[in-house]
C-alpha cells in the first residue's frame, strides 16, 4: 500500500521518535508499504516520520543509483533502532534533496564514513560501516529520526535562499509527483 509522504511543515517530521519494540507492530508489513511508497516516489530512502510514524525506522534503496554510484547498486536495507557509532572527520559535500521537501536541493556537508549499529526486519543486530554515497543516504534518513531535515544542515545564507520555497510547501503552493500529505 502506498502511503502519503508528509511534507515540510507536518509536525510528524519534528517529533522525537521512539524505539521499535519487537511484536508491537507488523514491521514487515510497514517496511513493505514503505518500500512501495519509496519506489512510487522514485526516492532512495524513506524514514518512518516521513509517513507520519514517530518510530526509529528507515529504509534505503540505492538500486536506481547503481549506474552513477556502483556501490549502491545492491544497497537495499532496513534500519530499525539505529545508532551512529562513529563518524569520520573527513567530510564530503553533495547536493541533497528530500521527498518531504519537493523542489528543494542544497549542498550538505556530511561525514564521508560512518559506522552504524541497527536491527534488521527480523530484529537481528548488525554493525556496518558505510562510505561515500551510502553513508550520505544513511545519514540523511537517520536525521529524520532525530527530527531534522537536510535544510537544517545548510549555511545561514543558503537557508535564507530556500526560506520562500519552504514557506510555499507549508502554504500548499508546492505539489509533488507522488502521494503526499500537508
Protein backbone atom coordinates (compact mmCIF):
# COMPACT_ATOMS: atom_id res chain seq x y z
CA UNK A 1 0.00 0.00 0.00
CA UNK A 2 1.39 3.38 -1.00
CA UNK A 3 1.46 5.72 1.99
CA UNK A 4 1.30 9.52 1.80
CA UNK A 5 4.66 11.22 2.32
CA UNK A 6 4.48 14.00 4.88
CA UNK A 7 5.73 17.33 3.56
CA UNK A 8 7.73 20.00 5.32
CA UNK A 9 5.64 21.71 7.99
CA UNK A 10 3.97 18.50 9.18
CA UNK A 11 4.60 18.14 12.96
CA UNK A 12 5.50 14.44 12.50
CA UNK A 13 8.78 15.49 10.87
CA UNK A 14 9.88 17.36 14.00
CA UNK A 15 8.57 14.96 16.63
CA UNK A 16 11.01 12.79 18.65
CA UNK A 17 10.99 9.15 17.58
CA UNK A 18 10.59 6.09 19.77
CA UNK A 19 12.32 2.71 19.65
CA UNK A 20 10.53 0.00 17.71
CA UNK A 21 9.72 -2.90 20.01
CA UNK A 22 9.55 -6.37 18.55
CA UNK A 23 5.92 -7.50 18.30
CA UNK A 24 4.50 -4.01 18.84
CA UNK A 25 3.53 -3.72 15.17
CA UNK A 26 3.81 -5.66 11.95
CA UNK A 27 7.24 -4.39 10.94
CA UNK A 28 7.40 -6.44 7.76
CA UNK A 29 4.10 -5.01 6.53
CA UNK A 30 5.22 -1.47 7.39
CA UNK A 31 8.54 -2.00 5.59
CA UNK A 32 6.73 -3.41 2.53
CA UNK A 33 4.41 -0.39 2.47
CA UNK A 34 7.34 1.99 2.88
CA UNK A 35 9.23 0.24 0.08
CA UNK A 36 6.22 0.50 -2.23
CA UNK A 37 5.90 4.19 -1.29
CA UNK A 38 9.61 4.81 -1.88
CA UNK A 39 9.52 3.09 -5.27
CA UNK A 40 6.45 5.06 -6.38
CA UNK A 41 8.09 8.32 -5.31
CA UNK A 42 11.37 7.37 -7.02
CA UNK A 43 13.46 8.06 -3.94
CA UNK A 44 16.46 6.32 -2.39
CA UNK A 45 15.44 6.47 1.27
CA UNK A 46 12.39 6.87 3.46
CA UNK A 47 12.08 7.28 7.22
CA UNK A 48 9.07 6.42 9.37
CA UNK A 49 8.46 10.09 10.34
CA UNK A 50 8.03 10.83 6.62
CA UNK A 51 4.96 8.58 6.63
CA UNK A 52 3.67 10.00 9.90
CA UNK A 53 5.11 7.45 12.33
CA UNK A 54 7.37 8.58 15.16
CA UNK A 55 9.43 5.40 15.07
CA UNK A 56 13.17 4.78 14.81
CA UNK A 57 12.99 3.03 11.46
CA UNK A 58 14.09 3.87 7.94
CA UNK A 59 14.72 2.09 4.68
CA UNK A 60 17.19 2.72 1.87
CA UNK A 61 17.19 1.53 -1.71
CA UNK A 62 20.09 2.67 -3.84
CA UNK A 63 19.38 0.29 -6.71
CA UNK A 64 18.29 3.13 -9.04
CA UNK A 65 21.62 4.89 -8.34
CA UNK A 66 23.75 1.93 -9.41
CA UNK A 67 24.81 3.40 -12.72
CA UNK A 68 26.17 6.61 -11.18
CA UNK A 69 27.23 5.03 -7.86
CA UNK A 70 28.11 1.34 -8.49
CA UNK A 71 28.49 0.59 -4.76
CA UNK A 72 24.80 1.49 -4.29
CA UNK A 73 23.52 -0.95 -6.95
CA UNK A 74 22.50 -3.60 -4.40
CA UNK A 75 22.13 -1.32 -1.40
CA UNK A 76 18.66 -2.14 -0.10
CA UNK A 77 18.42 -2.22 3.69
CA UNK A 78 16.08 -1.78 6.63
CA UNK A 79 17.39 0.07 9.69
CA UNK A 80 15.48 -0.37 12.95
CA UNK A 81 16.54 1.36 16.17
CA UNK A 82 19.76 2.64 14.58
CA UNK A 83 22.56 4.36 16.42
CA UNK A 84 25.51 6.10 14.81
CA UNK A 85 28.58 4.61 16.47
CA UNK A 86 31.27 6.58 14.67
CA UNK A 87 31.63 9.34 12.08
CA UNK A 88 34.80 10.21 10.19
CA UNK A 89 36.36 13.64 10.46
CA UNK A 90 36.76 13.62 6.70
CA UNK A 91 33.69 15.11 5.04
CA UNK A 92 32.16 15.41 1.59
CA UNK A 93 29.73 17.85 0.03
CA UNK A 94 26.85 16.82 -2.18
CA UNK A 95 23.58 18.34 -3.31
CA UNK A 96 20.74 16.64 -1.45
CA UNK A 97 17.01 16.64 -1.94
CA UNK A 98 14.22 15.08 0.09
CA UNK A 99 10.81 13.62 -0.63
CA UNK A 100 9.42 15.76 2.22
CA UNK A 101 10.87 18.93 0.67
CA UNK A 102 9.89 18.69 -3.02
CA UNK A 103 11.65 21.08 -5.37
CA UNK A 104 14.49 21.90 -3.00
CA UNK A 105 18.08 20.73 -3.25
CA UNK A 106 21.12 22.15 -1.49
CA UNK A 107 24.73 21.24 -0.83
CA UNK A 108 25.13 19.46 2.50
CA UNK A 109 28.39 18.65 4.28
CA UNK A 110 28.38 15.20 5.88
CA UNK A 111 30.97 12.75 7.23
CA UNK A 112 32.47 10.65 4.44
CA UNK A 113 32.38 7.44 6.50
CA UNK A 114 30.09 6.25 9.29
CA UNK A 115 29.60 3.17 11.42
CA UNK A 116 26.03 2.42 12.43
CA UNK A 117 24.52 -0.19 14.73
CA UNK A 118 20.95 -1.25 13.91
CA UNK A 119 18.43 -4.07 13.81
CA UNK A 120 17.09 -5.56 10.59
CA UNK A 121 13.45 -6.50 9.91
CA UNK A 122 13.97 -9.73 11.91
CA UNK A 123 15.32 -7.68 14.85
CA UNK A 124 18.83 -9.09 14.47
CA UNK A 125 21.58 -6.65 15.40
CA UNK A 126 24.20 -5.52 12.89
CA UNK A 127 27.04 -3.04 12.86
CA UNK A 128 28.17 -1.82 9.46
CA UNK A 129 30.47 0.84 8.08
CA UNK A 130 29.44 2.85 5.03
CA UNK A 131 31.35 5.36 2.96
CA UNK A 132 30.64 7.96 0.33
CA UNK A 133 27.11 7.93 -1.09
CA UNK A 134 25.92 5.02 1.06
CA UNK A 135 26.95 6.95 4.17
CA UNK A 136 25.16 10.05 2.89
CA UNK A 137 21.89 8.20 2.25
CA UNK A 138 22.01 6.61 5.72
CA UNK A 139 22.83 9.90 7.46
CA UNK A 140 20.08 11.75 5.60
CA UNK A 141 17.48 9.20 6.72
CA UNK A 142 18.95 9.00 10.23
CA UNK A 143 18.46 12.77 10.52
CA UNK A 144 14.71 12.24 10.11
CA UNK A 145 14.76 10.04 13.22
CA UNK A 146 16.44 12.89 15.08
CA UNK A 147 13.70 15.35 13.95
CA UNK A 148 15.97 17.06 11.37
CA UNK A 149 15.67 17.74 7.67
CA UNK A 150 18.62 18.42 5.40
CA UNK A 151 17.99 22.18 5.28
CA UNK A 152 18.86 22.25 8.99
CA UNK A 153 22.43 21.47 7.89
CA UNK A 154 22.93 24.21 5.30
CA UNK A 155 24.58 27.59 5.86
CA UNK A 156 22.53 30.51 7.21
CA UNK A 157 22.80 32.36 3.91
CA UNK A 158 21.52 29.32 1.97
CA UNK A 159 18.66 28.99 4.49
CA UNK A 160 17.59 32.49 3.51
CA UNK A 161 17.56 31.45 -0.15
CA UNK A 162 15.28 28.44 0.48
CA UNK A 163 13.02 30.15 3.03
CA UNK A 164 10.41 31.10 0.40
CA UNK A 165 10.37 27.57 -1.02
CA UNK A 166 9.87 26.10 2.47
CA UNK A 167 7.07 28.59 3.16
CA UNK A 168 5.42 27.64 -0.14
CA UNK A 169 5.46 23.96 0.87
CA UNK A 170 3.79 24.80 4.19
CA UNK A 171 1.21 27.06 2.49
CA UNK A 172 0.29 24.37 -0.04
CA UNK A 173 1.77 26.19 -3.03
CA UNK A 174 4.07 23.29 -3.87
CA UNK A 175 2.98 19.97 -5.31
CA UNK A 176 4.81 16.67 -5.53
CA UNK A 177 4.61 13.96 -8.20
CA UNK A 178 3.73 11.35 -5.55
CA UNK A 179 1.07 10.84 -2.90
CA UNK A 180 1.67 13.33 -0.08
CA UNK A 181 0.15 14.95 2.99
CA UNK A 182 0.50 18.57 4.04
